[in-house]
C-alpha atoms as a PDB file:
ATOM      1  CA  MET A   1      48.947  25.090 -62.383  1.00  0.00           C
ATOM      2  CA  SER A   2      47.711  23.661 -66.095  1.00  0.00           C
ATOM      3  CA  GLY A   3      46.904  20.066 -66.497  1.00  0.00           C
ATOM      4  CA  SER A   4      48.335  19.412 -69.859  1.00  0.00           C
ATOM      5  CA  ASP A   5      50.207  16.604 -68.217  1.00  0.00           C
ATOM      6  CA  ARG A   6      47.915  15.186 -65.695  1.00  0.00           C
ATOM      7  CA  ASN A   7      46.101  12.497 -67.924  1.00  0.00           C
ATOM      8  CA  ASN A   8      49.532  10.923 -69.136  1.00  0.00           C
ATOM      9  CA  PRO A   9      50.969   7.709 -67.014  1.00  0.00           C
ATOM     10  CA  ARG A  10      53.625   8.506 -64.489  1.00  0.00           C
ATOM     11  CA  LYS A  11      56.974   9.116 -65.550  1.00  0.00           C
ATOM     12  CA  PRO A  12      59.825   8.186 -63.732  1.00  0.00           C
ATOM     13  CA  PRO A  13      61.965  10.906 -62.543  1.00  0.00           C
ATOM     14  CA  ARG A  14      64.211  12.399 -65.532  1.00  0.00           C
ATOM     15  CA  VAL A  15      67.623  13.054 -64.096  1.00  0.00           C
ATOM     16  CA  SER A  16      70.844  14.835 -64.890  1.00  0.00           C
ATOM     17  CA  SER A  17      74.158  14.398 -63.589  1.00  0.00           C
ATOM     18  CA  CYS A  18      75.762  16.971 -61.095  1.00  0.00           C
ATOM     19  CA  ARG A  19      79.662  15.773 -60.319  1.00  0.00           C
ATOM     20  CA  ILE A  20      79.771  14.471 -56.913  1.00  0.00           C
ATOM     21  CA  GLU A  21      81.882  10.933 -55.653  1.00  0.00           C
ATOM     22  CA  GLN A  22      82.820  11.502 -52.162  1.00  0.00           C
ATOM     23  CA  VAL A  23      80.381  12.386 -49.098  1.00  0.00           C
ATOM     24  CA  GLU A  24      82.956  13.856 -46.081  1.00  0.00           C
ATOM     25  CA  GLY A  25      81.535  14.542 -42.556  1.00  0.00           C
ATOM     26  CA  ARG A  26      79.279  12.859 -40.173  1.00  0.00           C
ATOM     27  CA  ASN A  27      76.084  13.814 -41.051  1.00  0.00           C
ATOM     28  CA  PRO A  28      76.675  13.539 -45.009  1.00  0.00           C
ATOM     29  CA  VAL A  29      77.560  10.506 -44.836  1.00  0.00           C
ATOM     30  CA  LEU A  30      74.918   9.331 -42.450  1.00  0.00           C
ATOM     31  CA  GLU A  31      72.318  11.135 -44.848  1.00  0.00           C
ATOM     32  CA  ALA A  32      73.787   9.642 -47.602  1.00  0.00           C
ATOM     33  CA  LEU A  33      73.286   5.805 -46.321  1.00  0.00           C
ATOM     34  CA  LYS A  34      69.739   6.565 -46.023  1.00  0.00           C
ATOM     35  CA  GLY A  35      69.660   8.159 -49.171  1.00  0.00           C
ATOM     36  CA  PRO A  36      68.389   6.596 -52.568  1.00  0.00           C
ATOM     37  CA  ARG A  37      72.703   7.085 -54.136  1.00  0.00           C
ATOM     38  CA  LYS A  38      74.431   3.976 -54.011  1.00  0.00           C
ATOM     39  CA  VAL A  39      77.040   4.029 -51.252  1.00  0.00           C
ATOM     40  CA  HIS A  40      80.062   2.669 -52.729  1.00  0.00           C
ATOM     41  CA  ALA A  41      82.544   2.305 -49.707  1.00  0.00           C
ATOM     42  CA  VAL A  42      83.002   3.979 -46.202  1.00  0.00           C
ATOM     43  CA  TYR A  43      86.432   5.686 -44.381  1.00  0.00           C
ATOM     44  CA  ILE A  44      86.799   5.770 -41.075  1.00  0.00           C
ATOM     45  CA  ALA A  45      89.385   7.255 -39.529  1.00  0.00           C
ATOM     46  CA  ASP A  46      90.912   4.894 -36.828  1.00  0.00           C
ATOM     47  CA  GLY A  47      90.233   6.044 -33.624  1.00  0.00           C
ATOM     48  CA  ALA A  48      86.850   8.185 -34.606  1.00  0.00           C
ATOM     49  CA  GLY A  49      84.325   7.424 -32.269  1.00  0.00           C
ATOM     50  CA  GLY A  50      81.189   8.734 -31.130  1.00  0.00           C
ATOM     51  CA  ALA A  51      76.773   8.248 -31.597  1.00  0.00           C
ATOM     52  CA  ALA A  52      77.539   9.313 -34.888  1.00  0.00           C
ATOM     53  CA  VAL A  53      80.385   7.428 -35.994  1.00  0.00           C
ATOM     54  CA  ALA A  54      78.700   3.958 -34.636  1.00  0.00           C
ATOM     55  CA  ALA A  55      75.122   5.345 -36.562  1.00  0.00           C
ATOM     56  CA  VAL A  56      77.281   4.873 -39.781  1.00  0.00           C
ATOM     57  CA  LYS A  57      79.156   2.133 -39.289  1.00  0.00           C
ATOM     58  CA  GLU A  58      75.427   0.509 -38.454  1.00  0.00           C
ATOM     59  CA  LEU A  59      73.620   1.462 -41.182  1.00  0.00           C
ATOM     60  CA  ALA A  60      76.678   0.695 -43.244  1.00  0.00           C
ATOM     61  CA  ALA A  61      76.375  -2.803 -41.826  1.00  0.00           C
ATOM     62  CA  ARG A  62      72.456  -3.164 -43.115  1.00  0.00           C
ATOM     63  CA  LYS A  63      73.038  -1.844 -46.078  1.00  0.00           C
ATOM     64  CA  GLU A  64      76.020  -4.165 -47.348  1.00  0.00           C
ATOM     65  CA  VAL A  65      78.223  -0.980 -47.342  1.00  0.00           C
ATOM     66  CA  PRO A  66      81.984  -2.005 -46.854  1.00  0.00           C
ATOM     67  CA  VAL A  67      83.488  -0.094 -44.191  1.00  0.00           C
ATOM     68  CA  LYS A  68      87.408   0.106 -43.827  1.00  0.00           C
ATOM     69  CA  ILE A  69      89.354   1.579 -40.871  1.00  0.00           C
ATOM     70  CA  ILE A  70      92.169   3.785 -42.308  1.00  0.00           C
ATOM     71  CA  PRO A  71      95.054   5.660 -40.420  1.00  0.00           C
ATOM     72  CA  ARG A  72      93.642   9.174 -39.766  1.00  0.00           C
ATOM     73  CA  GLY A  73      96.549  11.359 -41.679  1.00  0.00           C
ATOM     74  CA  ASP A  74      94.971   8.901 -44.628  1.00  0.00           C
ATOM     75  CA  LEU A  75      91.836  10.275 -44.274  1.00  0.00           C
ATOM     76  CA  GLU A  76      92.444  13.772 -43.940  1.00  0.00           C
ATOM     77  CA  SER A  77      94.658  13.435 -46.908  1.00  0.00           C
ATOM     78  CA  MET A  78      91.594  12.150 -49.353  1.00  0.00           C
ATOM     79  CA  ALA A  79      89.088  14.814 -48.221  1.00  0.00           C
ATOM     80  CA  SER A  80      88.616  18.167 -49.580  1.00  0.00           C
ATOM     81  CA  THR A  81      86.992  20.123 -47.153  1.00  0.00           C
ATOM     82  CA  ASP A  82      88.718  20.873 -44.167  1.00  0.00           C
ATOM     83  CA  VAL A  83      87.814  19.140 -41.414  1.00  0.00           C
ATOM     84  CA  PRO A  84      85.723  15.767 -42.485  1.00  0.00           C
ATOM     85  CA  GLN A  85      85.333  14.900 -38.962  1.00  0.00           C
ATOM     86  CA  GLY A  86      87.098  11.449 -40.071  1.00  0.00           C
ATOM     87  CA  VAL A  87      84.363   9.980 -42.023  1.00  0.00           C
ATOM     88  CA  ILE A  88      84.180  10.043 -45.516  1.00  0.00           C
ATOM     89  CA  ALA A  89      82.080   8.489 -48.128  1.00  0.00           C
ATOM     90  CA  ARG A  90      82.580   7.324 -52.022  1.00  0.00           C
ATOM     91  CA  VAL A  91      79.546   7.587 -53.289  1.00  0.00           C
ATOM     92  CA  ALA A  92      77.680   7.045 -56.936  1.00  0.00           C
ATOM     93  CA  PRO A  93      77.204  10.987 -58.770  1.00  0.00           C
ATOM     94  CA  TYR A  94      74.922  13.690 -57.396  1.00  0.00           C
ATOM     95  CA  ARG A  95      71.388  13.533 -58.996  1.00  0.00           C
ATOM     96  CA  CYS A  96      69.487  16.354 -60.545  1.00  0.00           C
ATOM     97  CA  PHE A  97      65.895  16.382 -61.269  1.00  0.00           C
ATOM     98  CA  GLU A  98      64.480  17.906 -64.151  1.00  0.00           C
ATOM     99  CA  LEU A  99      61.941  20.984 -63.150  1.00  0.00           C
ATOM    100  CA  GLU A 100      59.209  18.645 -64.916  1.00  0.00           C
ATOM    101  CA  ASP A 101      59.722  15.970 -61.847  1.00  0.00           C
ATOM    102  CA  VAL A 102      59.456  19.300 -59.117  1.00  0.00           C
ATOM    103  CA  LEU A 103      56.754  20.133 -60.931  1.00  0.00           C
ATOM    104  CA  GLU A 104      55.065  17.014 -60.809  1.00  0.00           C
ATOM    105  CA  ARG A 105      55.716  16.516 -56.833  1.00  0.00           C
ATOM    106  CA  ALA A 106      54.171  19.922 -55.988  1.00  0.00           C
ATOM    107  CA  LYS A 107      50.770  18.804 -57.800  1.00  0.00           C
ATOM    108  CA  SER A 108      49.886  16.835 -54.411  1.00  0.00           C
ATOM    109  CA  ARG A 109      50.026  20.516 -51.953  1.00  0.00           C
ATOM    110  CA  VAL A 110      49.785  24.098 -52.529  1.00  0.00           C
ATOM    111  CA  PRO A 111      53.320  23.911 -53.979  1.00  0.00           C
ATOM    112  CA  LEU A 112      56.223  25.905 -52.129  1.00  0.00           C
ATOM    113  CA  LEU A 113      59.524  26.621 -54.618  1.00  0.00           C
ATOM    114  CA  LEU A 114      63.296  27.547 -54.038  1.00  0.00           C
ATOM    115  CA  ALA A 115      65.042  29.329 -56.836  1.00  0.00           C
ATOM    116  CA  LEU A 116      68.060  30.664 -56.925  1.00  0.00           C
ATOM    117  CA  ASP A 117      70.003  33.041 -59.290  1.00  0.00           C
ATOM    118  CA  GLY A 118      73.595  33.227 -59.050  1.00  0.00           C
ATOM    119  CA  VAL A 119      74.664  31.583 -55.530  1.00  0.00           C
ATOM    120  CA  GLU A 120      77.798  30.340 -56.174  1.00  0.00           C
ATOM    121  CA  ASP A 121      79.069  30.130 -52.453  1.00  0.00           C
ATOM    122  CA  PRO A 122      79.242  26.645 -51.810  1.00  0.00           C
ATOM    123  CA  HIS A 123      78.695  27.218 -47.862  1.00  0.00           C
ATOM    124  CA  ASN A 124      75.348  29.613 -48.554  1.00  0.00           C
ATOM    125  CA  LEU A 125      73.783  26.361 -50.852  1.00  0.00           C
ATOM    126  CA  GLY A 126      74.340  23.475 -48.383  1.00  0.00           C
ATOM    127  CA  SER A 127      72.615  25.463 -45.973  1.00  0.00           C
ATOM    128  CA  LEU A 128      69.855  26.985 -48.272  1.00  0.00           C
ATOM    129  CA  LEU A 129      69.674  22.741 -48.916  1.00  0.00           C
ATOM    130  CA  ARG A 130      69.342  22.355 -45.815  1.00  0.00           C
ATOM    131  CA  VAL A 131      66.805  25.223 -44.692  1.00  0.00           C
ATOM    132  CA  ALA A 132      64.536  24.349 -47.732  1.00  0.00           C
ATOM    133  CA  ASP A 133      64.589  20.194 -46.531  1.00  0.00           C
ATOM    134  CA  ALA A 134      63.992  21.243 -42.847  1.00  0.00           C
ATOM    135  CA  THR A 135      60.815  23.486 -44.083  1.00  0.00           C
ATOM    136  CA  GLY A 136      59.097  20.967 -46.507  1.00  0.00           C
ATOM    137  CA  VAL A 137      60.441  22.566 -49.473  1.00  0.00           C
ATOM    138  CA  ASP A 138      58.565  20.466 -53.108  1.00  0.00           C
ATOM    139  CA  GLY A 139      62.327  21.754 -54.731  1.00  0.00           C
ATOM    140  CA  VAL A 140      64.956  23.702 -55.331  1.00  0.00           C
ATOM    141  CA  VAL A 141      66.247  25.240 -58.613  1.00  0.00           C
ATOM    142  CA  VAL A 142      69.456  26.973 -59.815  1.00  0.00           C
ATOM    143  CA  THR A 143      71.471  27.742 -62.954  1.00  0.00           C
ATOM    144  CA  ARG A 144      73.612  25.299 -64.633  1.00  0.00           C
ATOM    145  CA  ARG A 145      76.292  28.436 -64.413  1.00  0.00           C
ATOM    146  CA  ARG A 146      76.692  30.766 -61.974  1.00  0.00           C
ATOM    147  CA  THR A 147      76.018  28.103 -58.828  1.00  0.00           C
ATOM    148  CA  ALA A 148      78.553  27.134 -56.793  1.00  0.00           C
ATOM    149  CA  PRO A 149      79.596  22.986 -58.097  1.00  0.00           C
ATOM    150  CA  ILE A 150      77.756  20.465 -56.451  1.00  0.00           C
ATOM    151  CA  GLY A 151      80.458  18.560 -54.648  1.00  0.00           C
ATOM    152  CA  PRO A 152      82.120  17.938 -51.171  1.00  0.00           C
ATOM    153  CA  SER A 153      81.425  21.553 -50.185  1.00  0.00           C
ATOM    154  CA  VAL A 154      78.012  21.683 -50.255  1.00  0.00           C
ATOM    155  CA  ALA A 155      77.117  18.204 -49.430  1.00  0.00           C
ATOM    156  CA  ARG A 156      78.692  18.927 -46.460  1.00  0.00           C
ATOM    157  CA  ALA A 157      77.323  22.949 -45.263  1.00  0.00           C
ATOM    158  CA  SER A 158      74.046  21.364 -46.465  1.00  0.00           C
ATOM    159  CA  ALA A 159      74.168  18.533 -43.146  1.00  0.00           C
ATOM    160  CA  GLY A 160      73.117  15.475 -45.427  1.00  0.00           C
ATOM    161  CA  ALA A 161      69.859  17.322 -46.349  1.00  0.00           C
ATOM    162  CA  LEU A 162      71.531  17.259 -50.627  1.00  0.00           C
ATOM    163  CA  GLU A 163      70.680  13.846 -50.370  1.00  0.00           C
ATOM    164  CA  HIS A 164      66.782  14.380 -49.436  1.00  0.00           C
ATOM    165  CA  VAL A 165      66.196  17.752 -51.346  1.00  0.00           C
ATOM    166  CA  HIS A 166      64.742  17.893 -55.112  1.00  0.00           C
ATOM    167  CA  LEU A 167      67.291  19.847 -57.261  1.00  0.00           C
ATOM    168  CA  ALA A 168      66.953  20.484 -60.721  1.00  0.00           C
ATOM    169  CA  ARG A 169      69.412  22.491 -62.507  1.00  0.00           C
ATOM    170  CA  VAL A 170      68.444  25.154 -65.383  1.00  0.00           C
ATOM    171  CA  ALA A 171      69.406  26.985 -68.099  1.00  0.00           C
ATOM    172  CA  ASN A 172      68.098  30.520 -67.150  1.00  0.00           C
ATOM    173  CA  ILE A 173      66.186  31.590 -63.618  1.00  0.00           C
ATOM    174  CA  ALA A 174      64.635  34.181 -65.868  1.00  0.00           C
ATOM    175  CA  ALA A 175      62.957  32.178 -68.524  1.00  0.00           C
ATOM    176  CA  THR A 176      61.921  29.155 -65.579  1.00  0.00           C
ATOM    177  CA  LEU A 177      60.181  32.175 -63.513  1.00  0.00           C
ATOM    178  CA  GLU A 178      58.381  32.752 -66.612  1.00  0.00           C
ATOM    179  CA  ARG A 179      57.344  28.816 -66.911  1.00  0.00           C
ATOM    180  CA  LEU A 180      56.391  27.919 -63.181  1.00  0.00           C
ATOM    181  CA  LYS A 181      53.878  31.706 -63.570  1.00  0.00           C
ATOM    182  CA  GLU A 182      52.139  29.738 -66.247  1.00  0.00           C
ATOM    183  CA  GLU A 183      51.385  26.702 -64.242  1.00  0.00           C
ATOM    184  CA  GLY A 184      50.188  28.798 -62.027  1.00  0.00           C
ATOM    185  CA  LEU A 185      52.996  30.482 -59.243  1.00  0.00           C
ATOM    186  CA  TRP A 186      53.558  33.209 -58.147  1.00  0.00           C
ATOM    187  CA  VAL A 187      56.955  34.856 -57.434  1.00  0.00           C
ATOM    188  CA  VAL A 188      58.383  36.725 -54.945  1.00  0.00           C
ATOM    189  CA  GLY A 189      62.033  37.612 -54.885  1.00  0.00           C
ATOM    190  CA  ALA A 190      63.180  39.427 -51.942  1.00  0.00           C
ATOM    191  CA  ASP A 191      65.050  42.798 -52.439  1.00  0.00           C
ATOM    192  CA  GLY A 192      66.483  45.236 -50.048  1.00  0.00           C
ATOM    193  CA  ASP A 193      65.344  47.773 -52.009  1.00  0.00           C
ATOM    194  CA  ALA A 194      61.766  46.540 -52.187  1.00  0.00           C
ATOM    195  CA  PRO A 195      58.720  48.804 -50.671  1.00  0.00           C
ATOM    196  CA  ASP A 196      57.348  46.347 -49.010  1.00  0.00           C
ATOM    197  CA  ASP A 197      57.971  43.877 -45.491  1.00  0.00           C
ATOM    198  CA  TYR A 198      58.125  40.062 -46.121  1.00  0.00           C
ATOM    199  CA  THR A 199      55.184  40.039 -43.902  1.00  0.00           C
ATOM    200  CA  ALA A 200      52.868  41.469 -46.162  1.00  0.00           C
ATOM    201  CA  ILE A 201      53.254  39.048 -48.536  1.00  0.00           C
ATOM    202  CA  ASP A 202      49.983  36.602 -48.805  1.00  0.00           C
ATOM    203  CA  MET A 203      52.111  33.217 -48.688  1.00  0.00           C
ATOM    204  CA  THR A 204      49.388  30.630 -48.815  1.00  0.00           C
ATOM    205  CA  MET A 205      49.287  30.898 -52.432  1.00  0.00           C
ATOM    206  CA  PRO A 206      51.411  28.722 -55.107  1.00  0.00           C
ATOM    207  CA  LEU A 207      54.863  29.981 -54.537  1.00  0.00           C
ATOM    208  CA  VAL A 208      58.674  30.167 -55.781  1.00  0.00           C
ATOM    209  CA  ILE A 209      60.438  32.451 -53.289  1.00  0.00           C
ATOM    210  CA  VAL A 210      63.785  33.697 -55.435  1.00  0.00           C
ATOM    211  CA  LEU A 211      66.956  35.032 -54.221  1.00  0.00           C
ATOM    212  CA  GLY A 212      69.734  36.617 -55.390  1.00  0.00           C
ATOM    213  CA  GLY A 213      73.804  35.949 -54.987  1.00  0.00           C
ATOM    214  CA  GLU A 214      76.150  37.317 -52.467  1.00  0.00           C
ATOM    215  CA  GLY A 215      76.956  40.557 -52.775  1.00  0.00           C
ATOM    216  CA  LYS A 216      74.679  40.926 -56.424  1.00  0.00           C
ATOM    217  CA  GLY A 217      70.853  40.464 -55.515  1.00  0.00           C
ATOM    218  CA  LEU A 218      68.505  39.404 -58.144  1.00  0.00           C
ATOM    219  CA  SER A 219      69.236  39.984 -61.691  1.00  0.00           C
ATOM    220  CA  ARG A 220      67.530  42.689 -63.808  1.00  0.00           C
ATOM    221  CA  LEU A 221      65.497  40.338 -65.789  1.00  0.00           C
ATOM    222  CA  VAL A 222      64.695  37.621 -62.761  1.00  0.00           C
ATOM    223  CA  ARG A 223      63.398  41.100 -60.654  1.00  0.00           C
ATOM    224  CA  GLU A 224      61.170  42.189 -63.659  1.00  0.00           C
ATOM    225  CA  ARG A 225      59.748  38.476 -63.627  1.00  0.00           C
ATOM    226  CA  CYS A 226      58.686  38.629 -59.499  1.00  0.00           C
ATOM    227  CA  ASP A 227      55.307  39.277 -59.230  1.00  0.00           C
ATOM    228  CA  PHE A 228      56.277  41.105 -55.715  1.00  0.00           C
ATOM    229  CA  LEU A 229      59.265  42.001 -54.133  1.00  0.00           C
ATOM    230  CA  VAL A 230      59.715  42.517 -50.562  1.00  0.00           C
ATOM    231  CA  LYS A 231      62.207  43.042 -48.197  1.00  0.00           C
ATOM    232  CA  ILE A 232      63.256  41.714 -44.310  1.00  0.00           C
ATOM    233  CA  PRO A 233      63.863  44.747 -42.484  1.00  0.00           C
ATOM    234  CA  MET A 234      66.778  45.829 -41.066  1.00  0.00           C
ATOM    235  CA  LEU A 235      66.999  47.789 -37.596  1.00  0.00           C
ATOM    236  CA  GLY A 236      70.580  47.088 -36.626  1.00  0.00           C
ATOM    237  CA  ARG A 237      73.701  49.075 -38.786  1.00  0.00           C
ATOM    238  CA  VAL A 238      74.265  46.422 -41.205  1.00  0.00           C
ATOM    239  CA  SER A 239      72.256  46.606 -44.817  1.00  0.00           C
ATOM    240  CA  SER A 240      71.622  43.310 -45.472  1.00  0.00           C
ATOM    241  CA  LEU A 241      71.117  39.506 -44.289  1.00  0.00           C
ATOM    242  CA  ASN A 242      73.837  36.292 -45.375  1.00  0.00           C
ATOM    243  CA  VAL A 243      71.447  34.507 -48.486  1.00  0.00           C
ATOM    244  CA  ALA A 244      70.948  31.385 -46.556  1.00  0.00           C
ATOM    245  CA  THR A 245      70.039  33.239 -43.486  1.00  0.00           C
ATOM    246  CA  ALA A 246      67.340  35.372 -45.644  1.00  0.00           C
ATOM    247  CA  GLY A 247      65.766  32.199 -46.984  1.00  0.00           C
ATOM    248  CA  ALA A 248      65.687  30.587 -44.269  1.00  0.00           C
ATOM    249  CA  VAL A 249      63.279  33.796 -43.061  1.00  0.00           C
ATOM    250  CA  LEU A 250      61.467  33.763 -45.768  1.00  0.00           C
ATOM    251  CA  LEU A 251      60.909  30.012 -46.199  1.00  0.00           C
ATOM    252  CA  TYR A 252      59.873  29.913 -42.357  1.00  0.00           C
ATOM    253  CA  GLU A 253      57.408  32.854 -43.108  1.00  0.00           C
ATOM    254  CA  ALA A 254      55.845  30.497 -45.441  1.00  0.00           C
ATOM    255  CA  VAL A 255      55.368  27.558 -43.163  1.00  0.00           C
ATOM    256  CA  ARG A 256      54.268  29.994 -40.433  1.00  0.00           C
ATOM    257  CA  GLN A 257      51.581  31.614 -42.905  1.00  0.00           C
ATOM    258  CA  ARG A 258      50.682  28.026 -43.546  1.00  0.00           C
ATOM    259  CA  GLY A 259      50.045  26.545 -40.687  1.00  0.00           C
ATOM    260  CA  GLY A 260      53.108  24.825 -40.109  1.00  0.00           C
ATOM    261  CA  GLY A 261      53.379  22.314 -42.323  1.00  0.00           C
END
């Protein structure tokens, strides 16, 4: 990675707003309470119980966040997801990181980033954020357009990982990959027609793994900027994996090659 900024004083992360004002579901609300965002209030359906709800109440009390018990029907009317699990939090807008801050965070070790080229399904995006958190990815890069809105559905699908992953939004993935290559990262793209299996690539080097959108794959410009294209062998009758599943396979291979963390 280039050292143009290494001698500069450490600057606070620059963030840009990604609108989200409500988090729904027990684990997402619990993780929101653990994360850096301000939680304004927690709403719990009358009669909702269990260990997760108890943990939400306890942590909210410790952080002096108001907890309001309301009729289940009222809570479900507030929800924008199908099954809010009896718990909703009103929170400050989610704040995305800038690419420079993701790179700064990655300087302390061999970087591992995930870039998404047009993942528009919120459940897939949320699942990928969950995997990114689980595998210790330094940051996830998405486009400002052709990406699922960062809203309650993404937060819910991520099981709360949205609160902990460093998510950067950029104007253009292809141009961003060029920037990352200048910083010393190698670019590995997932492509079902690639000649090499994913296990054939050295993933211990500074790396960004790129995944394409559902049904579309990588765009031509993004594919051209990849140093390597790899495939996941499909031994059955279907031709490809869901993008979130493919992301999990590739990221855990990187973790395996790097000695498990």
